[in-house]
């Protein structure tokens, strides 16, 4: 009898990474840092099929990312991004990927205060992945603050005003394409986490915000694995780097080789009501001194205070709050 053999099929190179995550409750496991690096490298180079990308993202979403996985993913992105030919000096990496829904983006005023103290900030972010939110790029453009489409523009903006924002679609379009799958898949992906860890210009100080508290220690440990020696992670308002002064705030940090935890007490005895609508005129009016908003002022100054203490500009929380308040009183009201 003639034996009919099935032709030997060649397995796709990315299949091994789907198998690691999806081999059932007993056979599956998390990636090592090196496996995460290799897998994300293939994603960035487009060396996989669309169905594999969907499986990869959803399997990670179901199990949640480990510090090792986030560190490996971030390392792959850092090695993939095309950096400027001339090294660029910035002091602080600030990521903005959540958008605001309940309050105005008071953290934009925090950035202006820190700039006035000589702190150079590089911000990267994206928008539009979740409806009903105010996104940073739109706010910056409305306020006349620099949104940059190349590294020359970033360099000029940092030199002139101490601040530059680059959209993710410019910084790493491959990651933007993955984030754009948010409304197709129906859930966030690990890219929403790893972008906060990129620090593409190797700033000596990194601040991050998470929305879900369980991710705070994961980001702290991932920062340590990446070799960051000065990084703070907070649960910011709406997921942005902005303190809600009505609530206590836990800061998890990496300082040198040490993991540090610190709690900042609330600044008000009673919670403030959320505004009925979000109008940028309120943000501009508060900065110019034509309107008052005690919540907005304290959100802006206390967020700046966290950075000032992280960067060693103040030794205690109260010293940092006092310095931020001083910067507020001395602010250039004509900048906006």
Protein backbone atom coordinates (compact mmCIF):
# COMPACT_ATOMS: atom_id res chain seq x y z
CA UNK A 1 0.00 0.00 0.00
CA UNK A 2 1.34 3.41 -0.91
CA UNK A 3 1.95 5.55 2.16
CA UNK A 4 0.74 9.10 1.88
CA UNK A 5 2.82 11.49 3.98
CA UNK A 6 1.72 14.93 5.03
CA UNK A 7 4.27 17.48 3.83
CA UNK A 8 6.39 18.87 6.63
CA UNK A 9 5.31 22.41 7.43
CA UNK A 10 7.71 25.07 8.62
CA UNK A 11 6.66 26.83 11.81
CA UNK A 12 6.60 30.61 11.75
CA UNK A 13 9.48 32.09 13.84
CA UNK A 14 7.06 34.09 15.98
CA UNK A 15 4.94 31.05 16.85
CA UNK A 16 7.28 30.14 19.70
CA UNK A 17 6.38 33.37 21.53
CA UNK A 18 2.64 32.80 21.15
CA UNK A 19 3.15 29.24 22.42
CA UNK A 20 5.04 30.38 25.53
CA UNK A 21 2.07 32.54 26.55
CA UNK A 22 -0.76 30.35 25.33
CA UNK A 23 0.10 26.71 26.01
CA UNK A 24 -2.67 26.27 28.54
CA UNK A 25 -2.90 26.76 32.31
CA UNK A 26 -0.09 24.29 33.06
CA UNK A 27 2.21 24.79 30.09
CA UNK A 28 2.17 28.55 29.63
CA UNK A 29 4.47 30.98 31.41
CA UNK A 30 5.70 34.57 31.27
CA UNK A 31 8.57 35.67 29.05
CA UNK A 32 12.07 36.10 30.35
CA UNK A 33 13.45 39.58 29.76
CA UNK A 34 15.45 38.35 26.76
CA UNK A 35 12.43 36.59 25.25
CA UNK A 36 10.38 39.77 25.69
CA UNK A 37 13.14 41.75 23.98
CA UNK A 38 13.23 39.35 21.03
CA UNK A 39 9.44 39.15 20.67
CA UNK A 40 8.93 42.92 20.76
CA UNK A 41 11.77 43.36 18.28
CA UNK A 42 9.90 41.17 15.82
CA UNK A 43 6.71 43.17 16.43
CA UNK A 44 8.52 46.45 15.72
CA UNK A 45 10.09 45.07 12.54
CA UNK A 46 6.78 43.64 11.33
CA UNK A 47 8.12 40.08 11.29
CA UNK A 48 4.82 38.41 12.25
CA UNK A 49 1.33 37.86 10.93
CA UNK A 50 -1.61 40.03 12.05
CA UNK A 51 -3.29 37.05 13.72
CA UNK A 52 -0.10 36.45 15.74
CA UNK A 53 -0.01 40.07 16.89
CA UNK A 54 -3.60 39.86 18.08
CA UNK A 55 -2.94 36.63 19.96
CA UNK A 56 0.26 38.04 21.47
CA UNK A 57 -1.45 41.21 22.73
CA UNK A 58 -4.51 39.49 24.15
CA UNK A 59 -2.58 36.70 25.88
CA UNK A 60 -0.43 39.32 27.58
CA UNK A 61 -3.51 41.32 28.51
CA UNK A 62 -5.17 38.32 30.16
CA UNK A 63 -2.18 37.42 32.31
CA UNK A 64 -0.78 40.98 32.84
CA UNK A 65 2.83 41.92 32.19
CA UNK A 66 5.68 41.15 34.58
CA UNK A 67 8.52 43.60 35.35
CA UNK A 68 10.88 41.43 33.28
CA UNK A 69 8.53 41.52 30.29
CA UNK A 70 8.06 45.29 30.46
CA UNK A 71 11.80 45.81 30.77
CA UNK A 72 12.47 43.56 27.77
CA UNK A 73 9.79 45.28 25.70
CA UNK A 74 11.13 48.73 26.61
CA UNK A 75 14.70 47.71 25.78
CA UNK A 76 13.55 46.56 22.34
CA UNK A 77 11.81 49.88 21.73
CA UNK A 78 14.79 51.90 22.96
CA UNK A 79 17.07 50.03 20.53
CA UNK A 80 14.59 50.49 17.67
CA UNK A 81 13.92 54.23 17.93
CA UNK A 82 16.01 56.42 15.67
CA UNK A 83 17.59 59.00 17.95
CA UNK A 84 19.07 62.36 16.95
CA UNK A 85 22.63 62.28 15.65
CA UNK A 86 23.75 64.77 18.27
CA UNK A 87 23.11 63.77 21.91
CA UNK A 88 20.37 65.89 23.45
CA UNK A 89 20.45 66.86 27.11
CA UNK A 90 17.16 66.81 29.03
CA UNK A 91 16.59 66.47 32.76
CA UNK A 92 13.27 64.69 32.99
CA UNK A 93 11.32 62.19 30.86
CA UNK A 94 7.54 62.74 31.12
CA UNK A 95 5.09 60.36 29.44
CA UNK A 96 1.48 61.32 28.67
CA UNK A 97 -0.71 58.52 27.30
CA UNK A 98 -3.95 58.50 29.28
CA UNK A 99 -5.82 61.76 28.69
CA UNK A 100 -7.98 63.57 31.24
CA UNK A 101 -11.70 62.97 31.75
CA UNK A 102 -12.78 64.41 35.10
CA UNK A 103 -10.41 67.33 35.59
CA UNK A 104 -8.47 69.73 33.41
CA UNK A 105 -4.82 68.80 32.67
CA UNK A 106 -3.37 70.87 35.50
CA UNK A 107 -0.06 69.01 35.06
CA UNK A 108 0.67 71.24 32.04
CA UNK A 109 1.02 74.11 34.53
CA UNK A 110 3.32 71.90 36.65
CA UNK A 111 5.61 71.58 33.63
CA UNK A 112 5.73 75.36 33.19
CA UNK A 113 6.68 75.77 36.85
CA UNK A 114 9.47 73.22 36.54
CA UNK A 115 10.71 74.90 33.35
CA UNK A 116 10.91 78.20 35.24
CA UNK A 117 13.28 76.48 37.68
CA UNK A 118 15.57 75.41 34.82
CA UNK A 119 14.35 71.82 34.52
CA UNK A 120 14.32 70.63 30.89
CA UNK A 121 11.50 68.23 30.11
CA UNK A 122 10.95 65.92 27.17
CA UNK A 123 7.38 64.66 26.90
CA UNK A 124 6.03 61.95 24.59
CA UNK A 125 2.47 60.73 24.27
CA UNK A 126 -0.50 59.90 22.12
CA UNK A 127 -4.22 60.52 21.92
CA UNK A 128 -7.54 59.37 20.57
CA UNK A 129 -7.51 55.74 21.73
CA UNK A 130 -10.34 56.32 24.25
CA UNK A 131 -13.32 58.57 23.58
CA UNK A 132 -14.43 61.36 25.90
CA UNK A 133 -10.98 62.45 27.05
CA UNK A 134 -8.86 65.58 26.70
CA UNK A 135 -5.47 64.64 25.28
CA UNK A 136 -2.22 66.45 25.88
CA UNK A 137 -1.20 67.20 22.29
CA UNK A 138 -4.49 69.02 21.65
CA UNK A 139 -4.04 71.05 24.85
CA UNK A 140 -0.44 71.97 24.05
CA UNK A 141 -1.39 73.09 20.55
CA UNK A 142 -4.23 75.21 21.91
CA UNK A 143 -1.86 76.85 24.41
CA UNK A 144 0.87 77.48 21.84
CA UNK A 145 3.35 75.07 23.47
CA UNK A 146 5.72 73.12 21.20
CA UNK A 147 4.55 69.91 19.55
CA UNK A 148 7.53 68.62 17.56
CA UNK A 149 7.66 66.48 14.43
CA UNK A 150 11.44 65.93 14.30
CA UNK A 151 14.48 66.03 16.55
CA UNK A 152 15.63 69.43 15.32
CA UNK A 153 12.36 70.92 16.51
CA UNK A 154 12.76 69.15 19.85
CA UNK A 155 16.28 70.57 20.27
CA UNK A 156 15.14 74.10 19.45
CA UNK A 157 12.14 73.89 21.78
CA UNK A 158 14.24 72.60 24.68
CA UNK A 159 16.81 75.36 24.16
CA UNK A 160 14.20 78.10 23.91
CA UNK A 161 11.70 77.09 26.58
CA UNK A 162 12.91 73.98 28.37
CA UNK A 163 10.06 71.81 27.07
CA UNK A 164 9.23 69.73 24.00
CA UNK A 165 6.50 67.22 23.17
CA UNK A 166 6.88 64.56 20.48
CA UNK A 167 3.88 62.40 19.46
CA UNK A 168 4.36 58.64 19.56
CA UNK A 169 3.41 58.45 15.88
CA UNK A 170 6.60 60.42 15.17
CA UNK A 171 8.78 58.89 17.87
CA UNK A 172 7.87 55.25 17.11
CA UNK A 173 5.10 54.83 14.51
CA UNK A 174 5.14 51.04 14.91
CA UNK A 175 3.99 51.38 18.52
CA UNK A 176 1.35 53.90 17.50
CA UNK A 177 -0.08 51.30 15.12
CA UNK A 178 -0.38 48.83 18.00
CA UNK A 179 -2.06 51.40 20.28
CA UNK A 180 -4.48 52.14 17.44
CA UNK A 181 -5.74 48.55 17.79
CA UNK A 182 -7.33 49.53 21.13
CA UNK A 183 -10.79 49.98 19.63
CA UNK A 184 -10.43 46.89 17.44
CA UNK A 185 -9.42 44.56 20.27
CA UNK A 186 -11.59 46.29 22.87
CA UNK A 187 -8.89 46.33 25.56
CA UNK A 188 -5.60 48.04 26.25
CA UNK A 189 -2.36 46.30 25.34
CA UNK A 190 1.08 46.08 26.99
CA UNK A 191 2.16 48.95 24.74
CA UNK A 192 0.15 51.30 26.95
CA UNK A 193 2.48 50.30 29.78
CA UNK A 194 5.82 50.02 28.05
CA UNK A 195 5.63 53.48 26.43
CA UNK A 196 5.86 54.97 29.92
CA UNK A 197 9.22 53.25 30.38
CA UNK A 198 10.88 54.23 27.08
CA UNK A 199 12.86 57.30 28.22
CA UNK A 200 14.18 57.65 24.65
CA UNK A 201 16.58 60.55 25.36
CA UNK A 202 18.08 58.84 28.43
CA UNK A 203 17.01 61.57 30.82
CA UNK A 204 18.57 61.03 34.27
CA UNK A 205 15.15 61.42 35.90
CA UNK A 206 11.95 59.61 34.90
CA UNK A 207 8.45 60.10 36.25
CA UNK A 208 5.56 57.80 35.34
CA UNK A 209 1.90 57.49 36.15
CA UNK A 210 -0.30 54.41 36.16
CA UNK A 211 -4.08 54.12 36.49
CA UNK A 212 -4.44 50.68 38.09
CA UNK A 213 -2.61 50.43 41.46
CA UNK A 214 -1.42 46.88 40.75
CA UNK A 215 0.85 48.22 38.00
CA UNK A 216 2.72 50.59 40.31
CA UNK A 217 5.23 48.07 41.74
CA UNK A 218 5.55 46.44 38.30
CA UNK A 219 6.68 49.75 36.77
CA UNK A 220 8.96 50.44 39.71
CA UNK A 221 10.72 47.08 39.34
CA UNK A 222 10.85 47.37 35.53
CA UNK A 223 12.56 50.75 35.91
CA UNK A 224 15.17 49.15 38.14
CA UNK A 225 15.74 46.34 35.62
CA UNK A 226 16.29 48.96 32.93
CA UNK A 227 19.01 50.54 35.02
CA UNK A 228 17.14 53.75 35.77
CA UNK A 229 18.57 55.18 38.96
CA UNK A 230 15.99 57.91 39.53
CA UNK A 231 12.41 57.02 38.66
CA UNK A 232 9.13 57.69 40.45
CA UNK A 233 5.79 56.02 39.77
CA UNK A 234 2.49 57.47 40.98
CA UNK A 235 -1.19 56.70 40.51
CA UNK A 236 -2.05 59.96 38.83
CA UNK A 237 -5.43 61.50 38.14
CA UNK A 238 -6.95 59.63 35.20
CA UNK A 239 -3.61 57.90 34.61
CA UNK A 240 -1.72 61.11 33.82
CA UNK A 241 1.22 62.44 35.87
CA UNK A 242 -0.90 64.68 38.05
CA UNK A 243 -1.54 64.53 41.74
CA UNK A 244 -5.09 64.63 43.07
CA UNK A 245 -4.55 66.86 46.13
CA UNK A 246 -7.77 65.62 47.73
CA UNK A 247 -6.30 62.14 48.25
CA UNK A 248 -3.20 60.65 49.86
CA UNK A 249 -0.61 59.71 47.26
CA UNK A 250 1.84 56.83 47.30
CA UNK A 251 5.08 57.30 45.40
CA UNK A 252 7.10 54.21 44.53
CA UNK A 253 10.60 55.09 43.40
CA UNK A 254 14.00 53.79 42.44
CA UNK A 255 16.74 55.96 43.93
CA UNK A 256 20.18 54.64 43.10
CA UNK A 257 19.90 50.91 43.74
CA UNK A 258 17.15 51.22 46.36
CA UNK A 259 13.41 50.69 46.05
CA UNK A 260 11.67 53.43 48.00
CA UNK A 261 8.06 53.99 49.04
CA UNK A 262 6.70 57.28 50.32
CA UNK A 263 3.21 58.58 51.06
CA UNK A 264 2.16 62.20 50.62
CA UNK A 265 -0.86 63.18 52.77
CA UNK A 266 -3.94 64.88 51.30
CA UNK A 267 -3.84 68.68 51.09
CA UNK A 268 -7.54 69.32 51.70
CA UNK A 269 -9.90 68.09 54.40
CA UNK A 270 -12.84 67.80 52.02
CA UNK A 271 -12.99 66.48 48.50
CA UNK A 272 -13.77 68.89 45.70
CA UNK A 273 -16.70 68.39 43.36
CA UNK A 274 -15.77 67.53 39.80
CA UNK A 275 -16.42 70.39 37.36
CA UNK A 276 -19.53 70.16 35.22
CA UNK A 277 -17.48 70.82 32.07
CA UNK A 278 -13.83 71.07 31.11
CA UNK A 279 -12.92 74.36 29.45
CA UNK A 280 -9.31 75.32 28.71
CA UNK A 281 -10.17 78.91 29.60
CA UNK A 282 -10.06 77.77 33.23
CA UNK A 283 -6.51 76.49 32.81
CA UNK A 284 -5.34 79.67 31.11
CA UNK A 285 -7.21 81.92 33.53
CA UNK A 286 -5.67 80.23 36.56
CA UNK A 287 -2.15 80.64 35.15
CA UNK A 288 -2.74 84.29 34.23
CA UNK A 289 -4.32 85.04 37.59
CA UNK A 290 -7.65 86.13 36.14
CA UNK A 291 -9.48 83.13 37.63
CA UNK A 292 -9.10 81.16 40.85
CA UNK A 293 -9.30 77.42 41.41
CA UNK A 294 -7.84 76.09 44.64
CA UNK A 295 -7.97 72.49 43.43
CA UNK A 296 -6.23 73.31 40.15
CA UNK A 297 -3.54 75.40 41.83
CA UNK A 298 -2.75 72.69 44.36
CA UNK A 299 -2.83 69.96 41.72
CA UNK A 300 -0.28 71.92 39.67
CA UNK A 301 2.00 72.88 42.55
CA UNK A 302 1.91 69.54 44.38
CA UNK A 303 2.66 67.64 41.17
CA UNK A 304 5.64 69.91 40.61
CA UNK A 305 6.65 69.33 44.24
CA UNK A 306 6.89 65.57 43.68
CA UNK A 307 9.34 66.17 40.84
CA UNK A 308 11.34 68.73 42.81
CA UNK A 309 11.80 66.28 45.68
CA UNK A 310 12.61 63.40 43.31
CA UNK A 311 15.31 65.50 41.66
CA UNK A 312 16.85 66.54 44.97
CA UNK A 313 15.78 70.19 44.73
CA UNK A 314 14.16 69.81 48.16
CA UNK A 315 14.89 67.48 51.07
CA UNK A 316 11.39 67.06 52.50
CA UNK A 317 7.84 67.04 51.22
CA UNK A 318 7.13 70.37 52.90
CA UNK A 319 10.24 71.98 51.44
CA UNK A 320 9.19 70.74 48.00
CA UNK A 321 5.65 72.08 48.43
CA UNK A 322 7.00 75.43 49.64
CA UNK A 323 9.37 75.69 46.68
CA UNK A 324 6.59 74.83 44.22
CA UNK A 325 4.35 77.46 45.83
CA UNK A 326 7.16 80.01 45.51
CA UNK A 327 7.54 79.18 41.82
CA UNK A 328 3.79 79.63 41.44
CA UNK A 329 3.87 83.09 42.99
CA UNK A 330 6.81 84.07 40.76
CA UNK A 331 5.46 82.54 37.53
CA UNK A 332 5.52 84.43 34.26
CA UNK A 333 1.81 84.97 33.74
CA UNK A 334 2.39 85.97 30.14
CA UNK A 335 3.77 82.61 29.07
CA UNK A 336 0.23 81.44 28.25
